[in-house]
């Protein structure tokens, strides 16, 4: 029986080609990703030693190291000093990195993210209402009590709000949904920090969370889904209102700054004229 080391070595023997000198490390990265995507390198399998990879790629040690380091940073590979380099057992870190980078670089992705959450979490909450554990319901009820206590504390309320949705996603037993919600929790916290300062945003949000839990306790999937959808649609509307308010504030400051600059310019012109 072949070991994972032997398997990966035999596969890379036939699949790896010598690289061009123009984009050596990029070429190595693309080849390794292709081997993983095609199933030639499977999750958990070890890559050949660095020296052997250099020979197979026809590349220098620095180029191979750079390629392996890049793939390790984004989570495609795991590099450990004592164990060598292996393919990551799952794509969680890579997917998290990809989602976070997309959210950082795309202006409107927060709104898109909220719309995706409406679709996904509406289904998840129905699942919890249908077959969620009693212990999950108790946890959600306990979070509601903490949110009520934290109603005057924006930062604390935001953390509890996020914990509520992560707990709900986990209770749905939908591992993909749970992974996605866990990955984007940083972006969700940023959204909440912009939304909760709005007038009445916290009391309205608390009331919406209460309705979600009440529907779950009644074991009513349809009502639970409707309550979650309404909450997230309202949250999206509040986010848009927050963005609009921020833009108005920026515009007002710029207008004031421009007015002050114009006034100063006129005063300078007048002073020069009198001279």
Foldseek 3Di string as FASTA:
>chain_A
DDDLARQQVVLLLPQFAADDPPQLLVVVLVSVVVCDVVVSADAPRAHHDLVVVCVRRVHDSVSPVVNQVVCVVLQQWPADPVPGIGGHNDCLSNVLSVVVVCVVPDDCVVLVVLVVCLVPLLQLLLLCLQDFDPVLLVVLVVLLVQLVVCLVPQLSNLVSVLVNSLSSNVRSVPVVSNSVSVSCSVVSSVLSVLQVVPPCSSVVLSVLSVQLSVCSVVSNSVSNSVSSSVNSVVSSVSSVVSVVVVVVVVVVVVVVVVVVVVVVVVVVVVVVVVD
